[in-house]
């Protein structure tokens, strides 16, 4: 079976850690697309259109601000996780993500990929400071992140230099005066998707079927 994987940089480390990346053609998109769901949608659709000679197209994107809505693969089925975003994917399910959210809604989660390729709140602050000066930057960042009280690092398999990532999270937490914590990740759902397995919490879309809100709320194979 010829498989094409289209994923976010935030999941690249975990995909590669499984040792599956060499068995399929992978294309990982820049994390900055998250800021523009319309652009992300268009880019994924372009890649789907270019991948119609495969047997299966795997996406490591979840709903991601509904950027998946309206995607269509004319001749090749699609398989992707039924999570809202990469945090749910790294935690193993949307259900676990929601459980943790109910326990503490003021937690900001970080994964290895997020720290490597994303735009952290601290990086965002420095951008604003350079553009607007310290006073306005602090006001903006307080508006965006003032409700958070804790930074939690999701530990997933295959992380090298773990202490370096812990230090990154600590630096962000110190700046915002957040508590710091860690949680064991669960990449069983990601494993299923990358292996092309239709399982609970995956969504399988037949060739020629447009992704709708009903498709995204299915959450089953």
N, C-alpha and C. Protein backbone atom coordinates (compact mmCIF):
# COMPACT_ATOMS: atom_id res chain seq x y z
N UNK A 1 0.83 -1.20 0.00
CA UNK A 1 0.00 0.00 0.00
C UNK A 1 0.87 1.25 0.00
N UNK A 2 0.59 2.14 -0.93
CA UNK A 2 1.34 3.41 -0.98
C UNK A 2 0.59 4.46 -0.17
N UNK A 3 1.29 5.03 0.82
CA UNK A 3 0.65 5.98 1.74
C UNK A 3 1.34 7.33 1.66
N UNK A 4 0.53 8.38 1.65
CA UNK A 4 1.04 9.75 1.75
C UNK A 4 0.60 10.31 3.10
N UNK A 5 1.54 10.85 3.86
CA UNK A 5 1.22 11.47 5.14
C UNK A 5 1.40 12.98 5.02
N UNK A 6 0.36 13.70 5.36
CA UNK A 6 0.41 15.17 5.40
C UNK A 6 0.21 15.56 6.85
N UNK A 7 1.21 16.19 7.43
CA UNK A 7 1.11 16.48 8.86
C UNK A 7 1.65 17.84 9.23
N UNK A 8 1.43 18.17 10.49
CA UNK A 8 1.95 19.42 11.05
C UNK A 8 3.33 19.15 11.65
N UNK A 9 4.20 20.15 11.60
CA UNK A 9 5.52 20.02 12.23
C UNK A 9 5.40 19.60 13.69
N UNK A 10 4.27 19.97 14.33
CA UNK A 10 4.12 19.67 15.76
C UNK A 10 4.04 18.17 16.04
N UNK A 11 3.77 17.36 15.00
CA UNK A 11 3.68 15.91 15.19
C UNK A 11 4.86 15.16 14.55
N UNK A 12 5.77 15.89 13.92
CA UNK A 12 6.84 15.25 13.16
C UNK A 12 7.76 14.39 14.04
N UNK A 13 8.14 14.90 15.19
CA UNK A 13 9.06 14.16 16.07
C UNK A 13 8.48 12.80 16.46
N UNK A 14 7.18 12.80 16.81
CA UNK A 14 6.54 11.56 17.26
C UNK A 14 6.36 10.58 16.10
N UNK A 15 6.05 11.09 14.91
CA UNK A 15 5.93 10.21 13.74
C UNK A 15 7.28 9.56 13.44
N UNK A 16 8.33 10.37 13.47
CA UNK A 16 9.67 9.84 13.19
C UNK A 16 10.14 8.88 14.27
N UNK A 17 9.74 9.13 15.52
CA UNK A 17 10.15 8.26 16.63
C UNK A 17 9.58 6.86 16.48
N UNK A 18 8.46 6.73 15.77
CA UNK A 18 7.85 5.42 15.55
C UNK A 18 8.61 4.60 14.50
N UNK A 19 9.48 5.28 13.75
CA UNK A 19 10.24 4.59 12.71
C UNK A 19 9.41 4.26 11.49
N UNK A 20 8.28 4.95 11.32
CA UNK A 20 7.39 4.66 10.21
C UNK A 20 7.57 5.62 9.04
N UNK A 21 8.25 6.73 9.30
CA UNK A 21 8.32 7.79 8.29
C UNK A 21 8.95 7.32 6.98
N UNK A 22 9.92 6.39 7.07
CA UNK A 22 10.61 5.92 5.85
C UNK A 22 9.74 4.98 5.02
N UNK A 23 8.61 4.52 5.61
CA UNK A 23 7.74 3.60 4.90
C UNK A 23 6.66 4.30 4.09
N UNK A 24 6.63 5.61 4.14
CA UNK A 24 5.62 6.38 3.41
C UNK A 24 6.22 7.72 2.99
N UNK A 25 5.54 8.42 2.12
CA UNK A 25 5.97 9.75 1.72
C UNK A 25 5.35 10.76 2.68
N UNK A 26 6.19 11.50 3.38
CA UNK A 26 5.70 12.44 4.40
C UNK A 26 5.96 13.88 3.98
N UNK A 27 5.00 14.72 4.28
CA UNK A 27 5.16 16.16 4.08
C UNK A 27 4.62 16.86 5.32
N UNK A 28 5.51 17.55 6.02
CA UNK A 28 5.12 18.26 7.24
C UNK A 28 5.06 19.76 6.96
N UNK A 29 3.95 20.37 7.37
CA UNK A 29 3.73 21.78 7.07
C UNK A 29 4.12 22.65 8.26
N UNK A 30 4.52 23.86 7.95
CA UNK A 30 4.97 24.81 8.96
C UNK A 30 3.88 25.09 9.98
N UNK A 31 4.27 25.21 11.24
CA UNK A 31 3.31 25.44 12.32
C UNK A 31 2.58 26.77 12.14
N UNK A 32 3.20 27.73 11.45
CA UNK A 32 2.61 29.06 11.30
C UNK A 32 1.26 29.03 10.59
N UNK A 33 0.98 27.93 9.87
CA UNK A 33 -0.32 27.80 9.21
C UNK A 33 -1.47 27.82 10.23
N UNK A 34 -1.19 27.46 11.48
CA UNK A 34 -2.25 27.43 12.49
C UNK A 34 -2.88 28.80 12.70
N UNK A 35 -2.10 29.83 12.47
CA UNK A 35 -2.63 31.19 12.64
C UNK A 35 -3.60 31.57 11.53
N UNK A 36 -3.55 30.82 10.42
CA UNK A 36 -4.43 31.09 9.27
C UNK A 36 -5.10 29.80 8.81
N UNK A 37 -6.19 29.41 9.47
CA UNK A 37 -6.87 28.15 9.10
C UNK A 37 -7.28 28.09 7.63
N UNK A 38 -7.61 29.25 7.05
CA UNK A 38 -7.99 29.26 5.62
C UNK A 38 -6.81 28.88 4.74
N UNK A 39 -5.63 29.38 5.08
CA UNK A 39 -4.42 29.05 4.32
C UNK A 39 -4.03 27.59 4.53
N UNK A 40 -4.21 27.11 5.76
CA UNK A 40 -3.92 25.71 6.06
C UNK A 40 -4.84 24.80 5.24
N UNK A 41 -6.11 25.14 5.22
CA UNK A 41 -7.09 24.38 4.43
C UNK A 41 -6.65 24.31 2.96
N UNK A 42 -6.30 25.47 2.41
CA UNK A 42 -5.93 25.52 0.99
C UNK A 42 -4.68 24.70 0.70
N UNK A 43 -3.70 24.76 1.62
CA UNK A 43 -2.45 24.04 1.40
C UNK A 43 -2.66 22.53 1.49
N UNK A 44 -3.47 22.09 2.47
CA UNK A 44 -3.75 20.66 2.58
C UNK A 44 -4.49 20.18 1.34
N UNK A 45 -5.45 20.98 0.86
CA UNK A 45 -6.20 20.59 -0.34
C UNK A 45 -5.28 20.46 -1.55
N UNK A 46 -4.33 21.39 -1.67
CA UNK A 46 -3.34 21.33 -2.77
C UNK A 46 -2.57 20.01 -2.72
N UNK A 47 -2.11 19.66 -1.51
CA UNK A 47 -1.32 18.44 -1.35
C UNK A 47 -2.17 17.19 -1.59
N UNK A 48 -3.42 17.23 -1.18
CA UNK A 48 -4.34 16.11 -1.46
C UNK A 48 -4.49 15.95 -2.97
N UNK A 49 -4.68 17.06 -3.65
CA UNK A 49 -4.84 17.02 -5.12
C UNK A 49 -3.61 16.43 -5.80
N UNK A 50 -2.43 16.72 -5.21
CA UNK A 50 -1.17 16.23 -5.80
C UNK A 50 -0.89 14.77 -5.43
N UNK A 51 -1.72 14.20 -4.54
CA UNK A 51 -1.44 12.86 -4.00
C UNK A 51 -2.50 11.83 -4.40
N UNK A 52 -3.07 12.00 -5.57
CA UNK A 52 -4.15 11.11 -6.00
C UNK A 52 -3.68 9.78 -6.58
N UNK A 53 -2.36 9.56 -6.58
CA UNK A 53 -1.86 8.27 -7.07
C UNK A 53 -1.45 7.35 -5.91
N UNK A 54 -1.89 7.70 -4.69
CA UNK A 54 -1.62 6.86 -3.51
C UNK A 54 -2.84 6.00 -3.20
N UNK A 55 -2.66 5.03 -2.29
CA UNK A 55 -3.76 4.19 -1.86
C UNK A 55 -4.49 4.77 -0.65
N UNK A 56 -3.77 5.57 0.13
CA UNK A 56 -4.34 6.17 1.33
C UNK A 56 -3.59 7.47 1.64
N UNK A 57 -4.35 8.49 2.07
CA UNK A 57 -3.74 9.74 2.53
C UNK A 57 -4.03 9.87 4.02
N UNK A 58 -2.97 9.98 4.80
CA UNK A 58 -3.07 10.15 6.25
C UNK A 58 -2.81 11.61 6.60
N UNK A 59 -3.62 12.15 7.49
CA UNK A 59 -3.41 13.50 7.99
C UNK A 59 -3.19 13.41 9.50
N UNK A 60 -2.21 14.13 10.02
CA UNK A 60 -2.05 14.15 11.48
C UNK A 60 -2.69 15.40 12.07
N UNK A 61 -3.52 16.07 11.27
CA UNK A 61 -4.28 17.20 11.77
C UNK A 61 -5.61 16.72 12.35
N UNK A 62 -6.06 17.38 13.42
CA UNK A 62 -7.41 17.17 13.92
C UNK A 62 -8.30 18.23 13.28
N UNK A 63 -9.28 18.70 14.05
CA UNK A 63 -10.19 19.71 13.49
C UNK A 63 -9.44 21.02 13.19
N UNK A 64 -8.54 21.39 14.12
CA UNK A 64 -7.66 22.56 13.89
C UNK A 64 -8.41 23.77 13.33
N UNK A 65 -9.27 24.34 14.18
CA UNK A 65 -10.07 25.52 13.80
C UNK A 65 -10.90 25.27 12.54
N UNK A 66 -11.35 24.06 12.38
CA UNK A 66 -12.19 23.66 11.24
C UNK A 66 -11.52 23.84 9.88
N UNK A 67 -10.19 23.83 9.88
CA UNK A 67 -9.46 23.94 8.61
C UNK A 67 -9.66 22.71 7.73
N UNK A 68 -10.16 21.62 8.32
CA UNK A 68 -10.40 20.39 7.57
C UNK A 68 -11.74 20.42 6.82
N UNK A 69 -12.61 21.33 7.25
CA UNK A 69 -13.94 21.42 6.63
C UNK A 69 -13.85 21.67 5.13
N UNK A 70 -14.59 20.88 4.36
CA UNK A 70 -14.66 21.11 2.92
C UNK A 70 -13.57 20.42 2.12
N UNK A 71 -12.62 19.76 2.78
CA UNK A 71 -11.58 19.05 2.04
C UNK A 71 -12.19 17.88 1.26
N UNK A 72 -11.63 17.63 0.11
CA UNK A 72 -12.14 16.55 -0.74
C UNK A 72 -10.97 15.85 -1.44
N UNK A 73 -10.95 14.53 -1.31
CA UNK A 73 -9.97 13.73 -2.04
C UNK A 73 -10.75 12.89 -3.06
N UNK A 74 -10.65 13.24 -4.34
CA UNK A 74 -11.49 12.60 -5.36
C UNK A 74 -11.33 11.09 -5.47
N UNK A 75 -10.09 10.60 -5.40
CA UNK A 75 -9.86 9.18 -5.70
C UNK A 75 -9.22 8.37 -4.59
N UNK A 76 -8.78 9.03 -3.52
CA UNK A 76 -8.04 8.34 -2.45
C UNK A 76 -8.70 8.61 -1.11
N UNK A 77 -8.96 7.57 -0.29
CA UNK A 77 -9.56 7.80 1.03
C UNK A 77 -8.60 8.54 1.97
N UNK A 78 -9.19 9.20 2.96
CA UNK A 78 -8.43 9.96 3.96
C UNK A 78 -8.61 9.32 5.33
N UNK A 79 -7.58 9.40 6.17
CA UNK A 79 -7.66 8.93 7.55
C UNK A 79 -6.98 9.95 8.44
N UNK A 80 -7.68 10.36 9.51
CA UNK A 80 -7.08 11.35 10.42
C UNK A 80 -7.69 11.22 11.81
N UNK A 81 -7.04 11.81 12.84
CA UNK A 81 -7.54 11.68 14.21
C UNK A 81 -8.75 12.57 14.45
N UNK A 82 -9.64 12.10 15.31
CA UNK A 82 -10.85 12.87 15.64
C UNK A 82 -10.62 13.75 16.86
N UNK A 83 -9.47 14.40 16.92
CA UNK A 83 -9.17 15.31 18.04
C UNK A 83 -9.33 16.75 17.57
N UNK A 84 -9.45 17.65 18.53
CA UNK A 84 -9.60 19.06 18.16
C UNK A 84 -8.29 19.65 17.67
N UNK A 85 -7.19 19.18 18.25
CA UNK A 85 -5.89 19.74 17.88
C UNK A 85 -4.78 18.75 18.27
N UNK A 86 -3.53 19.21 18.13
CA UNK A 86 -2.41 18.30 18.39
C UNK A 86 -2.23 17.98 19.87
N UNK A 87 -2.77 18.83 20.75
CA UNK A 87 -2.67 18.53 22.19
C UNK A 87 -3.50 17.28 22.52
N UNK A 88 -4.72 17.24 22.01
CA UNK A 88 -5.55 16.05 22.20
C UNK A 88 -4.89 14.82 21.61
N UNK A 89 -4.24 15.01 20.46
CA UNK A 89 -3.55 13.89 19.80
C UNK A 89 -2.39 13.38 20.64
N UNK A 90 -1.63 14.29 21.25
CA UNK A 90 -0.50 13.88 22.09
C UNK A 90 -0.94 13.30 23.43
N UNK A 91 -2.18 13.60 23.83
CA UNK A 91 -2.71 13.06 25.08
C UNK A 91 -3.47 11.76 24.85
N UNK A 92 -3.69 11.40 23.58
CA UNK A 92 -4.31 10.12 23.26
C UNK A 92 -5.76 10.17 22.86
N UNK A 93 -6.46 11.25 23.22
CA UNK A 93 -7.87 11.38 22.85
C UNK A 93 -8.40 12.75 23.26
N UNK A 94 -9.48 13.15 22.62
CA UNK A 94 -10.17 14.39 23.01
C UNK A 94 -10.76 14.23 24.40
N UNK A 95 -11.21 13.00 24.72
CA UNK A 95 -11.84 12.74 26.02
C UNK A 95 -10.84 13.03 27.16
N UNK A 96 -9.61 12.56 26.99
CA UNK A 96 -8.60 12.81 28.03
C UNK A 96 -8.28 14.30 28.12
N UNK A 97 -8.20 14.94 26.97
CA UNK A 97 -7.96 16.38 26.93
C UNK A 97 -9.05 17.12 27.69
N UNK A 98 -10.31 16.75 27.45
CA UNK A 98 -11.44 17.39 28.11
C UNK A 98 -11.46 17.12 29.61
N UNK A 99 -11.10 15.90 30.00
CA UNK A 99 -11.01 15.57 31.43
C UNK A 99 -10.02 16.48 32.14
N UNK A 100 -8.85 16.61 31.52
CA UNK A 100 -7.81 17.46 32.10
C UNK A 100 -8.23 18.93 32.11
N UNK A 101 -8.95 19.32 31.06
CA UNK A 101 -9.43 20.71 30.98
C UNK A 101 -10.41 20.99 32.13
N UNK A 102 -11.27 20.01 32.41
CA UNK A 102 -12.24 20.19 33.51
C UNK A 102 -11.53 20.27 34.85
N UNK A 103 -10.45 19.52 34.99
CA UNK A 103 -9.67 19.55 36.25
C UNK A 103 -9.00 20.90 36.44
N UNK A 104 -8.46 21.42 35.35
CA UNK A 104 -7.79 22.73 35.41
C UNK A 104 -7.83 23.39 34.05
N UNK A 105 -8.78 24.28 33.87
CA UNK A 105 -8.98 24.96 32.58
C UNK A 105 -7.90 26.01 32.32
N UNK A 106 -7.10 26.29 33.33
CA UNK A 106 -6.10 27.36 33.20
C UNK A 106 -4.70 26.82 32.91
N UNK A 107 -4.65 25.64 32.30
CA UNK A 107 -3.37 25.01 31.97
C UNK A 107 -3.03 25.22 30.50
N UNK A 108 -1.79 25.59 30.24
CA UNK A 108 -1.28 25.74 28.87
C UNK A 108 -0.34 24.56 28.61
N UNK A 109 -0.65 23.77 27.58
CA UNK A 109 0.13 22.55 27.32
C UNK A 109 1.21 22.79 26.25
N UNK A 110 2.34 22.16 26.48
CA UNK A 110 3.44 22.21 25.52
C UNK A 110 3.86 20.79 25.16
N UNK A 111 4.14 20.56 23.88
CA UNK A 111 4.72 19.29 23.45
C UNK A 111 6.10 19.60 22.86
N UNK A 112 6.85 18.56 22.58
CA UNK A 112 8.18 18.77 21.99
C UNK A 112 8.05 19.54 20.67
N UNK A 113 7.13 19.10 19.82
CA UNK A 113 6.97 19.77 18.53
C UNK A 113 6.54 21.22 18.65
N UNK A 114 5.67 21.47 19.61
CA UNK A 114 5.20 22.84 19.88
C UNK A 114 6.39 23.72 20.27
N UNK A 115 7.27 23.19 21.11
CA UNK A 115 8.44 23.97 21.55
C UNK A 115 9.46 24.14 20.43
N UNK A 116 9.56 23.13 19.56
CA UNK A 116 10.53 23.20 18.46
C UNK A 116 10.06 24.11 17.32
N UNK A 117 8.78 24.01 16.97
CA UNK A 117 8.31 24.65 15.74
C UNK A 117 7.21 25.68 15.94
N UNK A 118 6.60 25.69 17.11
CA UNK A 118 5.49 26.60 17.33
C UNK A 118 5.94 27.99 17.74
N UNK A 119 4.95 28.81 18.05
CA UNK A 119 5.20 30.17 18.51
C UNK A 119 4.74 30.22 19.96
N UNK A 120 5.67 30.12 20.87
CA UNK A 120 5.31 30.06 22.28
C UNK A 120 4.82 31.43 22.76
N UNK A 121 4.07 31.47 23.86
CA UNK A 121 3.63 32.76 24.40
C UNK A 121 4.80 33.71 24.68
N UNK A 122 5.94 33.16 25.09
CA UNK A 122 7.10 34.00 25.38
C UNK A 122 7.67 34.58 24.08
N UNK A 123 7.77 33.75 23.04
CA UNK A 123 8.24 34.24 21.74
C UNK A 123 7.30 35.32 21.22
N UNK A 124 6.01 35.10 21.45
CA UNK A 124 5.01 36.07 21.02
C UNK A 124 5.21 37.40 21.74
N UNK A 125 5.48 37.33 23.04
CA UNK A 125 5.74 38.55 23.81
C UNK A 125 6.91 39.33 23.23
N UNK A 126 8.02 38.64 22.95
CA UNK A 126 9.20 39.32 22.43
C UNK A 126 8.93 39.98 21.07
N UNK A 127 8.09 39.33 20.27
CA UNK A 127 7.71 39.93 18.99
C UNK A 127 6.95 41.23 19.21
N UNK A 128 6.00 41.20 20.15
CA UNK A 128 5.21 42.40 20.45
C UNK A 128 6.08 43.50 21.05
N UNK A 129 7.02 43.09 21.91
CA UNK A 129 7.89 44.07 22.56
C UNK A 129 8.72 44.82 21.51
N UNK A 130 9.22 44.06 20.54
CA UNK A 130 10.03 44.67 19.48
C UNK A 130 9.17 45.62 18.63
N UNK A 131 7.93 45.23 18.42
CA UNK A 131 7.05 46.01 17.55
C UNK A 131 6.40 47.20 18.25
N UNK A 132 5.98 46.97 19.52
CA UNK A 132 5.17 48.01 20.19
C UNK A 132 5.80 48.60 21.44
N UNK A 133 6.89 48.01 21.92
CA UNK A 133 7.46 48.46 23.18
C UNK A 133 6.94 47.61 24.33
N UNK A 134 7.66 47.69 25.46
CA UNK A 134 7.37 46.79 26.58
C UNK A 134 5.97 46.97 27.17
N UNK A 135 5.54 48.21 27.38
CA UNK A 135 4.27 48.46 28.05
C UNK A 135 3.09 47.86 27.27
N UNK A 136 3.04 48.14 25.99
CA UNK A 136 1.93 47.64 25.17
C UNK A 136 2.04 46.11 25.00
N UNK A 137 3.28 45.64 24.89
CA UNK A 137 3.49 44.19 24.73
C UNK A 137 2.95 43.43 25.94
N UNK A 138 3.23 43.95 27.13
CA UNK A 138 2.77 43.28 28.35
C UNK A 138 1.24 43.32 28.45
N UNK A 139 0.66 44.40 28.00
CA UNK A 139 -0.80 44.51 28.03
C UNK A 139 -1.44 43.50 27.06
N UNK A 140 -0.86 43.39 25.87
CA UNK A 140 -1.36 42.44 24.87
C UNK A 140 -1.25 41.00 25.36
N UNK A 141 -0.09 40.70 25.91
CA UNK A 141 0.17 39.33 26.33
C UNK A 141 -0.69 38.95 27.55
N UNK A 142 -0.97 39.94 28.38
CA UNK A 142 -1.86 39.71 29.53
C UNK A 142 -3.28 39.41 29.05
N UNK A 143 -3.72 40.11 28.02
CA UNK A 143 -5.05 39.89 27.45
C UNK A 143 -5.15 38.47 26.87
N UNK A 144 -4.08 38.04 26.19
CA UNK A 144 -4.08 36.73 25.53
C UNK A 144 -3.89 35.57 26.49
N UNK A 145 -2.99 35.73 27.46
CA UNK A 145 -2.58 34.59 28.28
C UNK A 145 -2.76 34.79 29.79
N UNK A 146 -3.38 35.88 30.16
CA UNK A 146 -3.52 36.21 31.58
C UNK A 146 -4.36 35.23 32.38
N UNK A 147 -5.21 34.47 31.70
CA UNK A 147 -6.08 33.53 32.42
C UNK A 147 -5.38 32.21 32.76
N UNK A 148 -4.21 31.97 32.15
CA UNK A 148 -3.49 30.72 32.42
C UNK A 148 -2.70 30.82 33.72
N UNK A 149 -2.60 29.68 34.40
CA UNK A 149 -1.89 29.64 35.68
C UNK A 149 -0.82 28.55 35.74
N UNK A 150 -0.81 27.68 34.72
CA UNK A 150 0.11 26.54 34.80
C UNK A 150 0.61 26.15 33.41
N UNK A 151 1.88 25.77 33.32
CA UNK A 151 2.47 25.25 32.09
C UNK A 151 2.74 23.77 32.29
N UNK A 152 2.21 22.94 31.40
CA UNK A 152 2.40 21.49 31.52
C UNK A 152 3.07 20.96 30.26
N UNK A 153 4.15 20.22 30.46
CA UNK A 153 4.90 19.64 29.36
C UNK A 153 4.44 18.20 29.15
N UNK A 154 4.01 17.88 27.94
CA UNK A 154 3.58 16.53 27.60
C UNK A 154 4.81 15.71 27.17
N UNK A 155 5.12 14.69 27.92
CA UNK A 155 6.28 13.85 27.62
C UNK A 155 5.86 12.73 26.67
N UNK A 156 6.43 12.71 25.48
CA UNK A 156 6.11 11.66 24.51
C UNK A 156 7.38 10.85 24.18
N UNK A 157 7.22 9.63 23.67
CA UNK A 157 8.38 8.79 23.38
C UNK A 157 9.33 9.43 22.37
N UNK A 158 10.61 9.15 22.54
CA UNK A 158 11.60 9.57 21.56
C UNK A 158 12.19 10.95 21.78
N UNK A 159 11.84 11.61 22.90
CA UNK A 159 12.40 12.94 23.15
C UNK A 159 13.85 12.82 23.58
N UNK A 160 14.71 13.47 22.82
CA UNK A 160 16.12 13.55 23.21
C UNK A 160 16.33 14.90 23.89
N UNK A 161 17.34 15.00 24.71
CA UNK A 161 17.63 16.23 25.43
C UNK A 161 16.41 16.71 26.22
N UNK A 162 15.82 15.82 26.98
CA UNK A 162 14.62 16.12 27.74
C UNK A 162 14.80 17.33 28.65
N UNK A 163 15.97 17.42 29.27
CA UNK A 163 16.21 18.54 30.20
C UNK A 163 16.15 19.89 29.49
N UNK A 164 16.61 19.91 28.25
CA UNK A 164 16.59 21.17 27.49
C UNK A 164 15.15 21.64 27.27
N UNK A 165 14.26 20.70 26.99
CA UNK A 165 12.85 21.06 26.80
C UNK A 165 12.21 21.47 28.12
N UNK A 166 12.59 20.79 29.19
CA UNK A 166 12.08 21.17 30.52
C UNK A 166 12.49 22.61 30.85
N UNK A 167 13.72 22.93 30.50
CA UNK A 167 14.21 24.30 30.76
C UNK A 167 13.44 25.33 29.95
N UNK A 168 13.09 24.97 28.70
CA UNK A 168 12.29 25.88 27.87
C UNK A 168 10.94 26.18 28.51
N UNK A 169 10.29 25.10 28.99
CA UNK A 169 8.99 25.27 29.64
C UNK A 169 9.14 26.08 30.92
N UNK A 170 10.19 25.81 31.68
CA UNK A 170 10.44 26.54 32.92
C UNK A 170 10.66 28.03 32.65
N UNK A 171 11.38 28.33 31.60
CA UNK A 171 11.65 29.74 31.24
C UNK A 171 10.35 30.48 30.92
N UNK A 172 9.47 29.82 30.18
CA UNK A 172 8.17 30.42 29.83
C UNK A 172 7.34 30.61 31.11
N UNK A 173 7.32 29.56 31.93
CA UNK A 173 6.53 29.61 33.17
C UNK A 173 7.04 30.70 34.11
N UNK A 174 8.35 30.84 34.21
CA UNK A 174 8.94 31.88 35.08
C UNK A 174 8.52 33.27 34.62
N UNK A 175 8.53 33.47 33.32
CA UNK A 175 8.17 34.79 32.78
C UNK A 175 6.72 35.13 33.10
N UNK A 176 5.83 34.15 32.98
CA UNK A 176 4.40 34.40 33.19
C UNK A 176 3.96 34.14 34.64
N UNK A 177 4.91 33.69 35.47
CA UNK A 177 4.61 33.35 36.86
C UNK A 177 3.58 32.22 36.94
N UNK A 178 3.79 31.19 36.11
CA UNK A 178 2.92 30.02 36.10
C UNK A 178 3.58 28.89 36.90
N UNK A 179 2.74 28.00 37.40
CA UNK A 179 3.24 26.74 37.96
C UNK A 179 3.74 25.88 36.79
N UNK A 180 4.55 24.88 37.12
CA UNK A 180 5.04 23.97 36.08
C UNK A 180 4.67 22.53 36.43
N UNK A 181 4.29 21.78 35.41
CA UNK A 181 3.99 20.37 35.62
C UNK A 181 4.35 19.56 34.40
N UNK A 182 4.26 18.25 34.54
CA UNK A 182 4.50 17.34 33.41
C UNK A 182 3.41 16.28 33.39
N UNK A 183 3.16 15.76 32.21
CA UNK A 183 2.18 14.68 32.07
C UNK A 183 2.68 13.70 31.02
N UNK A 184 2.41 12.44 31.27
CA UNK A 184 2.82 11.41 30.30
C UNK A 184 1.88 11.47 29.10
N UNK A 185 2.46 11.59 27.92
CA UNK A 185 1.65 11.59 26.72
C UNK A 185 1.19 10.18 26.36
N UNK A 186 0.30 10.10 25.39
CA UNK A 186 -0.21 8.82 24.91
C UNK A 186 -0.31 8.91 23.39
N UNK A 187 0.60 8.22 22.69
CA UNK A 187 0.58 8.34 21.23
C UNK A 187 -0.05 7.12 20.55
N UNK A 188 -0.88 6.39 21.30
CA UNK A 188 -1.53 5.22 20.71
C UNK A 188 -2.45 5.62 19.56
N UNK A 189 -3.15 6.75 19.69
CA UNK A 189 -4.03 7.22 18.61
C UNK A 189 -3.19 7.62 17.40
N UNK A 190 -2.11 8.35 17.65
CA UNK A 190 -1.21 8.74 16.55
C UNK A 190 -0.64 7.50 15.88
N UNK A 191 -0.28 6.49 16.68
CA UNK A 191 0.23 5.23 16.13
C UNK A 191 -0.77 4.60 15.17
N UNK A 192 -2.05 4.56 15.60
CA UNK A 192 -3.10 3.98 14.75
C UNK A 192 -3.21 4.71 13.43
N UNK A 193 -3.23 6.04 13.52
CA UNK A 193 -3.36 6.85 12.30
C UNK A 193 -2.18 6.62 11.36
N UNK A 194 -0.97 6.68 11.91
CA UNK A 194 0.24 6.54 11.09
C UNK A 194 0.34 5.15 10.47
N UNK A 195 -0.22 4.16 11.13
CA UNK A 195 -0.21 2.80 10.60
C UNK A 195 -1.39 2.54 9.64
N UNK A 196 -2.21 3.56 9.48
CA UNK A 196 -3.34 3.42 8.56
C UNK A 196 -4.45 2.55 9.10
N UNK A 197 -4.53 2.47 10.43
CA UNK A 197 -5.53 1.61 11.08
C UNK A 197 -6.78 2.42 11.42
N UNK A 198 -7.93 1.92 10.99
CA UNK A 198 -9.20 2.55 11.35
C UNK A 198 -9.57 2.09 12.75
N UNK A 199 -9.62 3.03 13.68
CA UNK A 199 -9.83 2.69 15.08
C UNK A 199 -10.74 3.74 15.71
N UNK A 200 -11.22 3.47 16.94
CA UNK A 200 -11.98 4.52 17.64
C UNK A 200 -11.14 5.80 17.70
N UNK A 201 -11.80 6.93 17.58
CA UNK A 201 -11.15 8.24 17.58
C UNK A 201 -10.34 8.51 16.30
N UNK A 202 -10.56 7.71 15.26
CA UNK A 202 -10.05 8.08 13.94
C UNK A 202 -11.25 8.32 13.04
N UNK A 203 -11.03 9.11 12.02
CA UNK A 203 -12.08 9.38 11.04
C UNK A 203 -11.58 8.93 9.67
N UNK A 204 -12.37 8.09 9.04
CA UNK A 204 -12.04 7.58 7.71
C UNK A 204 -13.04 8.17 6.74
N UNK A 205 -12.52 8.80 5.69
CA UNK A 205 -13.37 9.46 4.71
C UNK A 205 -13.18 8.78 3.36
N UNK A 206 -14.25 8.25 2.83
CA UNK A 206 -14.18 7.58 1.52
C UNK A 206 -13.77 8.57 0.43
N UNK A 207 -13.12 8.07 -0.59
CA UNK A 207 -12.76 8.90 -1.75
C UNK A 207 -14.02 9.54 -2.31
N UNK A 208 -13.91 10.81 -2.66
CA UNK A 208 -15.03 11.52 -3.26
C UNK A 208 -16.01 12.11 -2.27
N UNK A 209 -15.74 11.92 -0.98
CA UNK A 209 -16.65 12.44 0.06
C UNK A 209 -16.07 13.72 0.66
N UNK A 210 -16.88 14.78 0.67
CA UNK A 210 -16.43 16.05 1.25
C UNK A 210 -16.49 15.97 2.77
N UNK A 211 -15.48 16.52 3.44
CA UNK A 211 -15.47 16.55 4.91
C UNK A 211 -16.43 17.64 5.39
N UNK A 212 -17.43 17.24 6.17
CA UNK A 212 -18.43 18.16 6.71
C UNK A 212 -18.32 18.20 8.23
N UNK A 213 -19.11 19.05 8.87
CA UNK A 213 -19.14 19.09 10.33
C UNK A 213 -19.60 17.75 10.89
N UNK A 214 -20.52 17.12 10.19
CA UNK A 214 -21.00 15.80 10.60
C UNK A 214 -19.87 14.77 10.55
N UNK A 215 -19.04 14.87 9.51
CA UNK A 215 -17.87 13.97 9.41
C UNK A 215 -16.96 14.16 10.61
N UNK A 216 -16.69 15.43 10.95
CA UNK A 216 -15.74 15.74 12.02
C UNK A 216 -16.28 15.35 13.40
N UNK A 217 -17.58 15.36 13.56
CA UNK A 217 -18.14 15.01 14.87
C UNK A 217 -18.34 13.51 15.01
N UNK A 218 -18.02 12.77 13.94
CA UNK A 218 -18.20 11.31 13.97
C UNK A 218 -17.33 10.65 14.99
N UNK A 219 -16.03 10.89 14.92
CA UNK A 219 -15.09 10.35 15.90
C UNK A 219 -15.02 8.84 15.90
N UNK A 220 -15.26 8.23 14.76
CA UNK A 220 -15.15 6.77 14.69
C UNK A 220 -14.65 6.41 13.32
N UNK A 221 -14.24 5.15 13.17
CA UNK A 221 -13.68 4.70 11.90
C UNK A 221 -14.79 4.42 10.91
